[in-house]
């Protein structure tokens, strides 16, 4: 048997939310995935029906219509956009294309950054998060030439969002040092008054932005996302992207959600989510800039099993380096009430 590359021996499969949990009986409410609880929108199913006629031909490898819609909406050129099979694929493309010897990332963040870095043999440097907070100055202090810096913004799992001044500080440092700042904005639609980071693309070669369409529209079964960057960076990513990786269904659905109906859906549902967040934060004395929260419950694995008895699934954050924390998302008000009641009963939240 041919042996795998040496760096793969120490790798483990990255953990994610959304696992199918088994309980004795009853309905399970999944708070472990950070999706819009009001989706998928109805018009998505029309897009699926429209895509059926394309089954007999190869997908559009360039996702031309979707790229055109994205570039028009965010105000960039089509040459600055690459559509991929979700942000996770784009993370791998970035690592393969630009990571040389070292990759920086937060101490507690999305696990696929480390997987992508280690696969290509890069050193991984974790940035400390005092009090579980992102401090931009700690990232700047650690940057070296040719580093690839992955920053999840808002961060998964802590929910913190860095605003305009903080991001501009990081972009300026990346330009000065000649590092590549990769902003993963998978949850940015859930942030109130988020900074239009894509406005910086035309003025820098040291920034790449990754965005997901699956979270905002609750379509995780469709792998679709996009990267925004300089024309040169996007051209490099396109060279190694697997051909026809975006199916005709994903392309059609992505094109649909980037249209006017998608804007209407997002506006209405984000307002509902914001109102739900107020209740959660008041009851549990926690805060997040996104649609996800973490909570210190002492023993995450044990408390997750106890919450399952209530029909509630949360994410055990041990894989994030936080074995005492669980992560949960915002769902509908009735579902959130069950979560709050279960946490108060099982996790002694009242004593906090």
C-alpha atoms as a PDB file:
ATOM      1  CA  UNK A   1       0.000   0.000   0.000  1.00  0.00           C
ATOM      2  CA  UNK A   2       1.272   3.455  -0.896  1.00  0.00           C
ATOM      3  CA  UNK A   3       1.671   5.494   2.287  1.00  0.00           C
ATOM      4  CA  UNK A   4      -0.017   8.908   2.589  1.00  0.00           C
ATOM      5  CA  UNK A   5       1.979  12.098   2.926  1.00  0.00           C
ATOM      6  CA  UNK A   6       3.671  12.312   6.340  1.00  0.00           C
ATOM      7  CA  UNK A   7       1.710  15.365   7.510  1.00  0.00           C
ATOM      8  CA  UNK A   8      -1.581  13.482   7.144  1.00  0.00           C
ATOM      9  CA  UNK A   9      -0.790  10.976   9.912  1.00  0.00           C
ATOM     10  CA  UNK A  10      -1.373  13.530  12.674  1.00  0.00           C
ATOM     11  CA  UNK A  11      -4.566  14.947  11.123  1.00  0.00           C
ATOM     12  CA  UNK A  12      -8.059  14.203  12.385  1.00  0.00           C
ATOM     13  CA  UNK A  13     -11.267  14.795  10.469  1.00  0.00           C
ATOM     14  CA  UNK A  14     -12.549  18.295  11.247  1.00  0.00           C
ATOM     15  CA  UNK A  15     -15.670  18.287  13.418  1.00  0.00           C
ATOM     16  CA  UNK A  16     -18.785  20.232  12.433  1.00  0.00           C
ATOM     17  CA  UNK A  17     -22.275  20.830  13.759  1.00  0.00           C
ATOM     18  CA  UNK A  18     -25.324  19.196  12.233  1.00  0.00           C
ATOM     19  CA  UNK A  19     -24.602  15.620  13.267  1.00  0.00           C
ATOM     20  CA  UNK A  20     -27.644  13.363  13.416  1.00  0.00           C
ATOM     21  CA  UNK A  21     -28.209  12.675  17.093  1.00  0.00           C
ATOM     22  CA  UNK A  22     -30.087   9.600  18.310  1.00  0.00           C
ATOM     23  CA  UNK A  23     -32.552   9.852  21.196  1.00  0.00           C
ATOM     24  CA  UNK A  24     -35.214   7.539  22.491  1.00  0.00           C
ATOM     25  CA  UNK A  25     -38.192   9.383  21.046  1.00  0.00           C
ATOM     26  CA  UNK A  26     -39.558  12.764  20.095  1.00  0.00           C
ATOM     27  CA  UNK A  27     -38.483  15.570  17.781  1.00  0.00           C
ATOM     28  CA  UNK A  28     -34.945  16.916  17.954  1.00  0.00           C
ATOM     29  CA  UNK A  29     -34.273  20.634  17.547  1.00  0.00           C
ATOM     30  CA  UNK A  30     -30.812  21.181  16.089  1.00  0.00           C
ATOM     31  CA  UNK A  31     -29.141  24.282  17.537  1.00  0.00           C
ATOM     32  CA  UNK A  32     -25.681  23.009  16.536  1.00  0.00           C
ATOM     33  CA  UNK A  33     -25.832  24.489  13.019  1.00  0.00           C
ATOM     34  CA  UNK A  34     -25.845  28.248  12.522  1.00  0.00           C
ATOM     35  CA  UNK A  35     -28.494  28.561   9.836  1.00  0.00           C
ATOM     36  CA  UNK A  36     -31.288  31.014   9.142  1.00  0.00           C
ATOM     37  CA  UNK A  37     -34.245  29.317  10.926  1.00  0.00           C
ATOM     38  CA  UNK A  38     -36.741  30.704   8.410  1.00  0.00           C
ATOM     39  CA  UNK A  39     -35.321  29.073   5.315  1.00  0.00           C
ATOM     40  CA  UNK A  40     -34.975  27.761   2.759  1.00  0.00           C
ATOM     41  CA  UNK A  41     -37.118  30.390   1.002  1.00  0.00           C
ATOM     42  CA  UNK A  42     -39.849  29.106  -1.316  1.00  0.00           C
ATOM     43  CA  UNK A  43     -38.284  30.543  -4.469  1.00  0.00           C
ATOM     44  CA  UNK A  44     -35.309  28.181  -4.022  1.00  0.00           C
ATOM     45  CA  UNK A  45     -37.513  25.255  -5.020  1.00  0.00           C
ATOM     46  CA  UNK A  46     -38.445  27.036  -8.246  1.00  0.00           C
ATOM     47  CA  UNK A  47     -34.730  27.377  -8.988  1.00  0.00           C
ATOM     48  CA  UNK A  48     -34.264  23.635  -8.409  1.00  0.00           C
ATOM     49  CA  UNK A  49     -37.050  22.825 -10.859  1.00  0.00           C
ATOM     50  CA  UNK A  50     -35.553  25.181 -13.442  1.00  0.00           C
ATOM     51  CA  UNK A  51     -32.153  23.479 -13.086  1.00  0.00           C
ATOM     52  CA  UNK A  52     -33.476  20.008 -13.841  1.00  0.00           C
ATOM     53  CA  UNK A  53     -33.290  20.591 -17.595  1.00  0.00           C
ATOM     54  CA  UNK A  54     -29.548  21.141 -17.194  1.00  0.00           C
ATOM     55  CA  UNK A  55     -28.884  17.623 -15.923  1.00  0.00           C
ATOM     56  CA  UNK A  56     -27.908  16.435 -19.384  1.00  0.00           C
ATOM     57  CA  UNK A  57     -25.031  18.878 -19.818  1.00  0.00           C
ATOM     58  CA  UNK A  58     -21.964  19.972 -17.907  1.00  0.00           C
ATOM     59  CA  UNK A  59     -22.373  22.880 -15.474  1.00  0.00           C
ATOM     60  CA  UNK A  60     -21.164  26.334 -16.448  1.00  0.00           C
ATOM     61  CA  UNK A  61     -17.615  26.097 -15.107  1.00  0.00           C
ATOM     62  CA  UNK A  62     -17.429  29.868 -14.676  1.00  0.00           C
ATOM     63  CA  UNK A  63     -20.913  30.284 -13.085  1.00  0.00           C
ATOM     64  CA  UNK A  64     -21.166  33.280 -15.395  1.00  0.00           C
ATOM     65  CA  UNK A  65     -24.654  34.481 -14.480  1.00  0.00           C
ATOM     66  CA  UNK A  66     -24.056  34.112 -10.757  1.00  0.00           C
ATOM     67  CA  UNK A  67     -20.673  35.873 -10.945  1.00  0.00           C
ATOM     68  CA  UNK A  68     -22.316  38.729 -12.828  1.00  0.00           C
ATOM     69  CA  UNK A  69     -24.975  39.073 -10.142  1.00  0.00           C
ATOM     70  CA  UNK A  70     -22.418  39.000  -7.334  1.00  0.00           C
ATOM     71  CA  UNK A  71     -20.163  41.590  -8.966  1.00  0.00           C
ATOM     72  CA  UNK A  72     -23.092  43.909  -9.680  1.00  0.00           C
ATOM     73  CA  UNK A  73     -24.450  43.623  -6.139  1.00  0.00           C
ATOM     74  CA  UNK A  74     -21.180  44.306  -4.342  1.00  0.00           C
ATOM     75  CA  UNK A  75     -19.745  46.728  -6.896  1.00  0.00           C
ATOM     76  CA  UNK A  76     -16.668  44.908  -8.159  1.00  0.00           C
ATOM     77  CA  UNK A  77     -15.573  43.451 -11.500  1.00  0.00           C
ATOM     78  CA  UNK A  78     -16.476  39.894 -12.488  1.00  0.00           C
ATOM     79  CA  UNK A  79     -12.758  39.122 -12.754  1.00  0.00           C
ATOM     80  CA  UNK A  80     -12.565  39.716  -8.989  1.00  0.00           C
ATOM     81  CA  UNK A  81     -15.091  36.978  -8.150  1.00  0.00           C
ATOM     82  CA  UNK A  82     -14.725  33.187  -8.005  1.00  0.00           C
ATOM     83  CA  UNK A  83     -17.678  30.911  -7.235  1.00  0.00           C
ATOM     84  CA  UNK A  84     -16.946  27.668  -5.400  1.00  0.00           C
ATOM     85  CA  UNK A  85     -18.582  24.682  -3.721  1.00  0.00           C
ATOM     86  CA  UNK A  86     -18.898  26.455  -0.385  1.00  0.00           C
ATOM     87  CA  UNK A  87     -16.384  28.326   1.728  1.00  0.00           C
ATOM     88  CA  UNK A  88     -14.691  25.090   2.789  1.00  0.00           C
ATOM     89  CA  UNK A  89     -13.553  24.437  -0.797  1.00  0.00           C
ATOM     90  CA  UNK A  90     -12.354  28.016  -1.130  1.00  0.00           C
ATOM     91  CA  UNK A  91     -10.304  27.715   2.077  1.00  0.00           C
ATOM     92  CA  UNK A  92      -8.460  24.754   0.578  1.00  0.00           C
ATOM     93  CA  UNK A  93      -7.850  26.626  -2.673  1.00  0.00           C
ATOM     94  CA  UNK A  94      -6.382  29.561  -0.745  1.00  0.00           C
ATOM     95  CA  UNK A  95      -4.040  27.291   1.212  1.00  0.00           C
ATOM     96  CA  UNK A  96      -2.885  25.407  -1.903  1.00  0.00           C
ATOM     97  CA  UNK A  97      -2.363  28.663  -3.817  1.00  0.00           C
ATOM     98  CA  UNK A  98      -0.786  31.010  -1.291  1.00  0.00           C
ATOM     99  CA  UNK A  99       0.333  29.270   1.920  1.00  0.00           C
ATOM    100  CA  UNK A 100       4.075  28.728   1.854  1.00  0.00           C
ATOM    101  CA  UNK A 101       5.630  28.144   5.275  1.00  0.00           C
ATOM    102  CA  UNK A 102       3.220  29.587   7.853  1.00  0.00           C
ATOM    103  CA  UNK A 103      -0.483  30.175   8.434  1.00  0.00           C
ATOM    104  CA  UNK A 104      -1.925  32.335  11.220  1.00  0.00           C
ATOM    105  CA  UNK A 105      -5.356  31.819  12.785  1.00  0.00           C
ATOM    106  CA  UNK A 106      -7.170  32.530  16.028  1.00  0.00           C
ATOM    107  CA  UNK A 107      -6.777  30.128  18.933  1.00  0.00           C
ATOM    108  CA  UNK A 108     -10.509  29.329  18.905  1.00  0.00           C
ATOM    109  CA  UNK A 109     -11.938  29.360  15.390  1.00  0.00           C
ATOM    110  CA  UNK A 110     -13.175  27.310  12.429  1.00  0.00           C
ATOM    111  CA  UNK A 111     -11.219  24.048  12.176  1.00  0.00           C
ATOM    112  CA  UNK A 112     -10.916  23.779   8.400  1.00  0.00           C
ATOM    113  CA  UNK A 113      -8.219  26.481   8.318  1.00  0.00           C
ATOM    114  CA  UNK A 114      -5.824  24.237  10.208  1.00  0.00           C
ATOM    115  CA  UNK A 115      -6.670  21.184   8.115  1.00  0.00           C
ATOM    116  CA  UNK A 116      -5.963  23.079   4.881  1.00  0.00           C
ATOM    117  CA  UNK A 117      -2.701  24.471   6.256  1.00  0.00           C
ATOM    118  CA  UNK A 118      -1.365  21.154   7.546  1.00  0.00           C
ATOM    119  CA  UNK A 119      -2.221  19.291   4.359  1.00  0.00           C
ATOM    120  CA  UNK A 120       0.246  21.458   2.437  1.00  0.00           C
ATOM    121  CA  UNK A 121       2.816  21.208   5.230  1.00  0.00           C
ATOM    122  CA  UNK A 122       2.605  24.757   6.552  1.00  0.00           C
ATOM    123  CA  UNK A 123       3.313  25.671  10.165  1.00  0.00           C
ATOM    124  CA  UNK A 124       0.179  26.720  12.063  1.00  0.00           C
ATOM    125  CA  UNK A 125       0.465  29.619  14.500  1.00  0.00           C
ATOM    126  CA  UNK A 126      -2.514  30.239  16.801  1.00  0.00           C
ATOM    127  CA  UNK A 127      -3.203  33.778  18.018  1.00  0.00           C
ATOM    128  CA  UNK A 128      -4.198  34.077  21.669  1.00  0.00           C
ATOM    129  CA  UNK A 129      -7.675  35.359  22.558  1.00  0.00           C
ATOM    130  CA  UNK A 130      -7.608  36.862  26.076  1.00  0.00           C
ATOM    131  CA  UNK A 131     -11.070  36.549  27.579  1.00  0.00           C
ATOM    132  CA  UNK A 132     -12.107  34.824  24.304  1.00  0.00           C
ATOM    133  CA  UNK A 133     -11.792  38.203  22.538  1.00  0.00           C
ATOM    134  CA  UNK A 134     -10.064  38.933  19.218  1.00  0.00           C
ATOM    135  CA  UNK A 135      -7.401  41.607  19.683  1.00  0.00           C
ATOM    136  CA  UNK A 136      -6.249  42.899  16.255  1.00  0.00           C
ATOM    137  CA  UNK A 137      -2.945  44.116  17.679  1.00  0.00           C
ATOM    138  CA  UNK A 138      -1.990  40.550  18.605  1.00  0.00           C
ATOM    139  CA  UNK A 139      -2.555  39.470  15.021  1.00  0.00           C
ATOM    140  CA  UNK A 140      -0.528  42.396  13.673  1.00  0.00           C
ATOM    141  CA  UNK A 141       2.336  41.686  16.097  1.00  0.00           C
ATOM    142  CA  UNK A 142       2.579  38.114  14.828  1.00  0.00           C
ATOM    143  CA  UNK A 143       2.364  38.813  11.063  1.00  0.00           C
ATOM    144  CA  UNK A 144       5.425  38.034   8.963  1.00  0.00           C
ATOM    145  CA  UNK A 145       6.051  38.370   5.207  1.00  0.00           C
ATOM    146  CA  UNK A 146       4.174  35.772   3.114  1.00  0.00           C
ATOM    147  CA  UNK A 147       2.009  34.627   6.032  1.00  0.00           C
ATOM    148  CA  UNK A 148      -1.558  33.634   5.195  1.00  0.00           C
ATOM    149  CA  UNK A 149      -3.838  34.960   7.937  1.00  0.00           C
ATOM    150  CA  UNK A 150      -7.264  33.335   8.253  1.00  0.00           C
ATOM    151  CA  UNK A 151      -9.765  35.465  10.157  1.00  0.00           C
ATOM    152  CA  UNK A 152     -13.342  34.316  10.622  1.00  0.00           C
ATOM    153  CA  UNK A 153     -15.403  37.520  10.926  1.00  0.00           C
ATOM    154  CA  UNK A 154     -17.734  37.218  12.773  1.00  0.00           C
ATOM    155  CA  UNK A 155     -15.796  34.468  14.473  1.00  0.00           C
ATOM    156  CA  UNK A 156     -17.063  30.931  14.784  1.00  0.00           C
ATOM    157  CA  UNK A 157     -17.658  29.940  17.587  1.00  0.00           C
ATOM    158  CA  UNK A 158     -17.364  33.118  19.698  1.00  0.00           C
ATOM    159  CA  UNK A 159     -19.580  35.378  17.562  1.00  0.00           C
ATOM    160  CA  UNK A 160     -17.323  38.455  17.800  1.00  0.00           C
ATOM    161  CA  UNK A 161     -17.223  40.798  14.801  1.00  0.00           C
ATOM    162  CA  UNK A 162     -14.384  43.189  14.023  1.00  0.00           C
ATOM    163  CA  UNK A 163     -15.623  46.497  12.609  1.00  0.00           C
ATOM    164  CA  UNK A 164     -14.257  48.928  10.050  1.00  0.00           C
ATOM    165  CA  UNK A 165     -11.392  50.476  12.037  1.00  0.00           C
ATOM    166  CA  UNK A 166     -10.152  47.115  13.290  1.00  0.00           C
ATOM    167  CA  UNK A 167     -10.285  45.555   9.821  1.00  0.00           C
ATOM    168  CA  UNK A 168      -8.529  48.527   8.257  1.00  0.00           C
ATOM    169  CA  UNK A 169      -5.779  48.104  10.858  1.00  0.00           C
ATOM    170  CA  UNK A 170      -5.322  44.476   9.771  1.00  0.00           C
ATOM    171  CA  UNK A 171      -5.470  45.274   6.046  1.00  0.00           C
ATOM    172  CA  UNK A 172      -2.876  48.028   6.441  1.00  0.00           C
ATOM    173  CA  UNK A 173      -0.593  45.661   8.325  1.00  0.00           C
ATOM    174  CA  UNK A 174      -0.982  42.930   5.700  1.00  0.00           C
ATOM    175  CA  UNK A 175      -0.007  45.406   2.971  1.00  0.00           C
ATOM    176  CA  UNK A 176       2.960  46.770   4.912  1.00  0.00           C
ATOM    177  CA  UNK A 177       4.298  43.345   5.861  1.00  0.00           C
ATOM    178  CA  UNK A 178       3.204  41.646   2.619  1.00  0.00           C
ATOM    179  CA  UNK A 179       0.998  38.995   4.188  1.00  0.00           C
ATOM    180  CA  UNK A 180      -2.345  37.769   2.842  1.00  0.00           C
ATOM    181  CA  UNK A 181      -5.398  38.499   5.011  1.00  0.00           C
ATOM    182  CA  UNK A 182      -8.235  36.042   4.313  1.00  0.00           C
ATOM    183  CA  UNK A 183     -11.578  37.198   5.728  1.00  0.00           C
ATOM    184  CA  UNK A 184     -14.104  34.400   6.123  1.00  0.00           C
ATOM    185  CA  UNK A 185     -17.439  36.227   6.267  1.00  0.00           C
ATOM    186  CA  UNK A 186     -19.715  33.188   6.276  1.00  0.00           C
ATOM    187  CA  UNK A 187     -21.950  34.756   8.952  1.00  0.00           C
ATOM    188  CA  UNK A 188     -21.658  38.424   8.030  1.00  0.00           C
ATOM    189  CA  UNK A 189     -25.307  38.684   6.896  1.00  0.00           C
ATOM    190  CA  UNK A 190     -26.326  38.176  10.521  1.00  0.00           C
ATOM    191  CA  UNK A 191     -24.270  41.158  11.760  1.00  0.00           C
ATOM    192  CA  UNK A 192     -26.114  44.427  12.239  1.00  0.00           C
ATOM    193  CA  UNK A 193     -24.536  47.266  10.209  1.00  0.00           C
ATOM    194  CA  UNK A 194     -21.559  45.194   9.021  1.00  0.00           C
ATOM    195  CA  UNK A 195     -18.672  47.008   7.337  1.00  0.00           C
ATOM    196  CA  UNK A 196     -18.557  46.633   3.533  1.00  0.00           C
ATOM    197  CA  UNK A 197     -15.136  44.981   3.530  1.00  0.00           C
ATOM    198  CA  UNK A 198     -15.388  44.264  -0.210  1.00  0.00           C
ATOM    199  CA  UNK A 199     -14.958  47.992  -0.828  1.00  0.00           C
ATOM    200  CA  UNK A 200     -11.255  47.492   0.005  1.00  0.00           C
ATOM    201  CA  UNK A 201     -10.632  44.893  -2.710  1.00  0.00           C
ATOM    202  CA  UNK A 202      -9.920  47.358  -5.514  1.00  0.00           C
ATOM    203  CA  UNK A 203      -7.201  49.097  -3.503  1.00  0.00           C
ATOM    204  CA  UNK A 204      -5.193  46.142  -2.147  1.00  0.00           C
ATOM    205  CA  UNK A 205      -3.537  42.950  -3.329  1.00  0.00           C
ATOM    206  CA  UNK A 206      -3.335  41.573   0.211  1.00  0.00           C
ATOM    207  CA  UNK A 207      -6.980  40.797   0.960  1.00  0.00           C
ATOM    208  CA  UNK A 208      -9.250  37.891   0.038  1.00  0.00           C
ATOM    209  CA  UNK A 209     -12.853  37.661   1.213  1.00  0.00           C
ATOM    210  CA  UNK A 210     -14.774  34.375   1.421  1.00  0.00           C
ATOM    211  CA  UNK A 211     -18.567  34.330   1.673  1.00  0.00           C
ATOM    212  CA  UNK A 212     -21.142  31.589   2.031  1.00  0.00           C
ATOM    213  CA  UNK A 213     -24.703  31.527   0.717  1.00  0.00           C
ATOM    214  CA  UNK A 214     -25.708  28.426   2.654  1.00  0.00           C
ATOM    215  CA  UNK A 215     -26.003  29.971   6.140  1.00  0.00           C
ATOM    216  CA  UNK A 216     -28.099  32.996   5.245  1.00  0.00           C
ATOM    217  CA  UNK A 217     -30.625  31.041   3.188  1.00  0.00           C
ATOM    218  CA  UNK A 218     -30.543  27.737   5.139  1.00  0.00           C
ATOM    219  CA  UNK A 219     -29.393  25.636   2.186  1.00  0.00           C
ATOM    220  CA  UNK A 220     -26.450  23.634   3.612  1.00  0.00           C
ATOM    221  CA  UNK A 221     -27.294  20.734   1.323  1.00  0.00           C
ATOM    222  CA  UNK A 222     -26.229  22.991  -1.559  1.00  0.00           C
ATOM    223  CA  UNK A 223     -22.519  23.751  -1.466  1.00  0.00           C
ATOM    224  CA  UNK A 224     -22.207  27.296  -2.792  1.00  0.00           C
ATOM    225  CA  UNK A 225     -20.032  30.271  -1.852  1.00  0.00           C
ATOM    226  CA  UNK A 226     -17.703  32.787  -3.442  1.00  0.00           C
ATOM    227  CA  UNK A 227     -14.369  34.549  -3.070  1.00  0.00           C
ATOM    228  CA  UNK A 228     -13.681  38.224  -3.753  1.00  0.00           C
ATOM    229  CA  UNK A 229     -10.142  39.400  -4.368  1.00  0.00           C
ATOM    230  CA  UNK A 230      -7.788  41.087  -6.782  1.00  0.00           C
ATOM    231  CA  UNK A 231      -7.932  39.872 -10.362  1.00  0.00           C
ATOM    232  CA  UNK A 232      -4.512  38.269  -9.956  1.00  0.00           C
ATOM    233  CA  UNK A 233      -5.500  36.376  -6.793  1.00  0.00           C
ATOM    234  CA  UNK A 234      -8.751  35.128  -8.322  1.00  0.00           C
ATOM    235  CA  UNK A 235      -6.940  34.026 -11.487  1.00  0.00           C
ATOM    236  CA  UNK A 236      -4.531  32.006  -9.334  1.00  0.00           C
ATOM    237  CA  UNK A 237      -7.349  30.287  -7.430  1.00  0.00           C
ATOM    238  CA  UNK A 238      -9.140  29.451 -10.677  1.00  0.00           C
ATOM    239  CA  UNK A 239      -6.075  27.594 -11.994  1.00  0.00           C
ATOM    240  CA  UNK A 240      -6.373  24.827  -9.410  1.00  0.00           C
ATOM    241  CA  UNK A 241     -10.117  24.797  -8.803  1.00  0.00           C
ATOM    242  CA  UNK A 242     -11.672  21.429  -9.660  1.00  0.00           C
ATOM    243  CA  UNK A 243     -13.675  21.680 -12.904  1.00  0.00           C
ATOM    244  CA  UNK A 244     -17.473  21.560 -12.664  1.00  0.00           C
ATOM    245  CA  UNK A 245     -17.329  21.637  -8.864  1.00  0.00           C
ATOM    246  CA  UNK A 246     -20.478  23.764  -8.677  1.00  0.00           C
ATOM    247  CA  UNK A 247     -23.463  21.703  -9.817  1.00  0.00           C
ATOM    248  CA  UNK A 248     -26.240  23.030 -12.035  1.00  0.00           C
ATOM    249  CA  UNK A 249     -28.488  23.008  -8.957  1.00  0.00           C
ATOM    250  CA  UNK A 250     -26.052  24.991  -6.807  1.00  0.00           C
ATOM    251  CA  UNK A 251     -25.462  27.483  -9.629  1.00  0.00           C
ATOM    252  CA  UNK A 252     -29.200  27.962 -10.197  1.00  0.00           C
ATOM    253  CA  UNK A 253     -29.979  28.324  -6.489  1.00  0.00           C
ATOM    254  CA  UNK A 254     -27.075  30.714  -5.950  1.00  0.00           C
ATOM    255  CA  UNK A 255     -28.252  32.879  -8.834  1.00  0.00           C
ATOM    256  CA  UNK A 256     -31.755  32.937  -7.353  1.00  0.00           C
ATOM    257  CA  UNK A 257     -30.755  33.922  -3.815  1.00  0.00           C
ATOM    258  CA  UNK A 258     -28.524  36.721  -5.102  1.00  0.00           C
ATOM    259  CA  UNK A 259     -31.532  38.352  -6.746  1.00  0.00           C
ATOM    260  CA  UNK A 260     -34.251  40.700  -5.457  1.00  0.00           C
ATOM    261  CA  UNK A 261     -36.217  37.877  -3.814  1.00  0.00           C
ATOM    262  CA  UNK A 262     -33.166  36.957  -1.793  1.00  0.00           C
ATOM    263  CA  UNK A 263     -32.797  40.539  -0.561  1.00  0.00           C
ATOM    264  CA  UNK A 264     -36.441  40.616   0.549  1.00  0.00           C
ATOM    265  CA  UNK A 265     -36.117  37.265   2.323  1.00  0.00           C
ATOM    266  CA  UNK A 266     -32.958  38.299   4.156  1.00  0.00           C
ATOM    267  CA  UNK A 267     -34.324  41.652   5.297  1.00  0.00           C
ATOM    268  CA  UNK A 268     -37.485  40.108   6.751  1.00  0.00           C
ATOM    269  CA  UNK A 269     -35.821  37.153   8.444  1.00  0.00           C
ATOM    270  CA  UNK A 270     -32.803  38.996   9.855  1.00  0.00           C
ATOM    271  CA  UNK A 271     -35.208  41.376  11.605  1.00  0.00           C
ATOM    272  CA  UNK A 272     -36.910  38.380  13.247  1.00  0.00           C
ATOM    273  CA  UNK A 273     -33.562  36.923  14.277  1.00  0.00           C
ATOM    274  CA  UNK A 274     -32.510  40.246  15.829  1.00  0.00           C
ATOM    275  CA  UNK A 275     -35.655  40.300  17.963  1.00  0.00           C
ATOM    276  CA  UNK A 276     -35.060  36.702  19.035  1.00  0.00           C
ATOM    277  CA  UNK A 277     -31.476  37.526  20.004  1.00  0.00           C
ATOM    278  CA  UNK A 278     -32.695  40.162  22.448  1.00  0.00           C
ATOM    279  CA  UNK A 279     -34.697  37.562  24.363  1.00  0.00           C
ATOM    280  CA  UNK A 280     -31.826  35.059  24.438  1.00  0.00           C
ATOM    281  CA  UNK A 281     -29.327  37.665  25.599  1.00  0.00           C
ATOM    282  CA  UNK A 282     -31.627  39.016  28.304  1.00  0.00           C
ATOM    283  CA  UNK A 283     -32.435  35.557  29.658  1.00  0.00           C
ATOM    284  CA  UNK A 284     -28.920  34.098  29.552  1.00  0.00           C
ATOM    285  CA  UNK A 285     -26.810  37.250  30.078  1.00  0.00           C
ATOM    286  CA  UNK A 286     -24.662  36.614  26.991  1.00  0.00           C
ATOM    287  CA  UNK A 287     -23.862  38.550  23.808  1.00  0.00           C
ATOM    288  CA  UNK A 288     -22.920  37.838  20.205  1.00  0.00           C
ATOM    289  CA  UNK A 289     -22.572  39.958  17.091  1.00  0.00           C
ATOM    290  CA  UNK A 290     -23.776  37.033  14.953  1.00  0.00           C
ATOM    291  CA  UNK A 291     -26.522  34.399  15.057  1.00  0.00           C
ATOM    292  CA  UNK A 292     -24.538  32.034  17.286  1.00  0.00           C
ATOM    293  CA  UNK A 293     -23.532  31.960  20.943  1.00  0.00           C
ATOM    294  CA  UNK A 294     -21.152  30.122  23.226  1.00  0.00           C
ATOM    295  CA  UNK A 295     -21.833  29.420  26.874  1.00  0.00           C
ATOM    296  CA  UNK A 296     -19.573  28.034  29.607  1.00  0.00           C
ATOM    297  CA  UNK A 297     -21.425  25.041  31.089  1.00  0.00           C
ATOM    298  CA  UNK A 298     -18.512  23.349  32.880  1.00  0.00           C
ATOM    299  CA  UNK A 299     -18.416  20.053  30.984  1.00  0.00           C
ATOM    300  CA  UNK A 300     -19.599  20.479  27.399  1.00  0.00           C
ATOM    301  CA  UNK A 301     -19.813  16.780  26.538  1.00  0.00           C
ATOM    302  CA  UNK A 302     -21.858  15.946  29.641  1.00  0.00           C
ATOM    303  CA  UNK A 303     -24.197  18.911  29.296  1.00  0.00           C
ATOM    304  CA  UNK A 304     -24.770  18.183  25.618  1.00  0.00           C
ATOM    305  CA  UNK A 305     -26.060  14.729  26.530  1.00  0.00           C
ATOM    306  CA  UNK A 306     -28.286  16.145  29.261  1.00  0.00           C
ATOM    307  CA  UNK A 307     -29.751  18.704  26.856  1.00  0.00           C
ATOM    308  CA  UNK A 308     -30.539  15.914  24.402  1.00  0.00           C
ATOM    309  CA  UNK A 309     -33.077  14.624  26.928  1.00  0.00           C
ATOM    310  CA  UNK A 310     -34.979  17.853  26.330  1.00  0.00           C
ATOM    311  CA  UNK A 311     -34.864  17.339  22.570  1.00  0.00           C
ATOM    312  CA  UNK A 312     -32.187  19.998  22.090  1.00  0.00           C
ATOM    313  CA  UNK A 313     -28.877  19.498  20.229  1.00  0.00           C
ATOM    314  CA  UNK A 314     -26.026  21.956  20.861  1.00  0.00           C
ATOM    315  CA  UNK A 315     -22.424  21.927  19.656  1.00  0.00           C
ATOM    316  CA  UNK A 316     -19.774  20.633  22.032  1.00  0.00           C
ATOM    317  CA  UNK A 317     -16.913  23.136  21.584  1.00  0.00           C
ATOM    318  CA  UNK A 318     -14.127  20.764  22.616  1.00  0.00           C
ATOM    319  CA  UNK A 319     -12.883  20.682  19.020  1.00  0.00           C
ATOM    320  CA  UNK A 320     -12.530  24.482  19.193  1.00  0.00           C
ATOM    321  CA  UNK A 321     -10.280  24.111  22.235  1.00  0.00           C
ATOM    322  CA  UNK A 322     -13.158  25.041  24.573  1.00  0.00           C
ATOM    323  CA  UNK A 323     -14.177  21.822  26.373  1.00  0.00           C
ATOM    324  CA  UNK A 324     -16.281  23.699  28.928  1.00  0.00           C
ATOM    325  CA  UNK A 325     -18.360  25.565  26.330  1.00  0.00           C
ATOM    326  CA  UNK A 326     -21.317  24.721  24.125  1.00  0.00           C
ATOM    327  CA  UNK A 327     -22.359  26.638  21.018  1.00  0.00           C
ATOM    328  CA  UNK A 328     -25.917  27.170  19.877  1.00  0.00           C
ATOM    329  CA  UNK A 329     -27.661  29.172  17.186  1.00  0.00           C
ATOM    330  CA  UNK A 330     -30.785  31.326  17.061  1.00  0.00           C
ATOM    331  CA  UNK A 331     -33.937  29.537  15.915  1.00  0.00           C
ATOM    332  CA  UNK A 332     -37.601  30.547  16.020  1.00  0.00           C
ATOM    333  CA  UNK A 333     -39.026  32.085  19.200  1.00  0.00           C
ATOM    334  CA  UNK A 334     -40.901  28.956  20.257  1.00  0.00           C
ATOM    335  CA  UNK A 335     -37.817  26.816  19.721  1.00  0.00           C
ATOM    336  CA  UNK A 336     -35.601  29.330  21.512  1.00  0.00           C
ATOM    337  CA  UNK A 337     -37.924  29.156  24.516  1.00  0.00           C
ATOM    338  CA  UNK A 338     -37.268  25.423  24.792  1.00  0.00           C
ATOM    339  CA  UNK A 339     -33.515  26.010  24.530  1.00  0.00           C
ATOM    340  CA  UNK A 340     -33.561  28.708  27.217  1.00  0.00           C
ATOM    341  CA  UNK A 341     -35.665  26.551  29.559  1.00  0.00           C
ATOM    342  CA  UNK A 342     -33.363  23.562  29.008  1.00  0.00           C
ATOM    343  CA  UNK A 343     -30.202  25.578  29.640  1.00  0.00           C
ATOM    344  CA  UNK A 344     -31.639  27.134  32.792  1.00  0.00           C
ATOM    345  CA  UNK A 345     -32.606  23.716  34.098  1.00  0.00           C
ATOM    346  CA  UNK A 346     -29.552  21.662  33.115  1.00  0.00           C
ATOM    347  CA  UNK A 347     -26.674  24.134  33.110  1.00  0.00           C
ATOM    348  CA  UNK A 348     -27.249  26.285  36.214  1.00  0.00           C
ATOM    349  CA  UNK A 349     -27.264  29.411  34.077  1.00  0.00           C
ATOM    350  CA  UNK A 350     -29.238  31.270  36.754  1.00  0.00           C
ATOM    351  CA  UNK A 351     -26.221  31.213  39.036  1.00  0.00           C
ATOM    352  CA  UNK A 352     -24.080  33.177  36.603  1.00  0.00           C
END
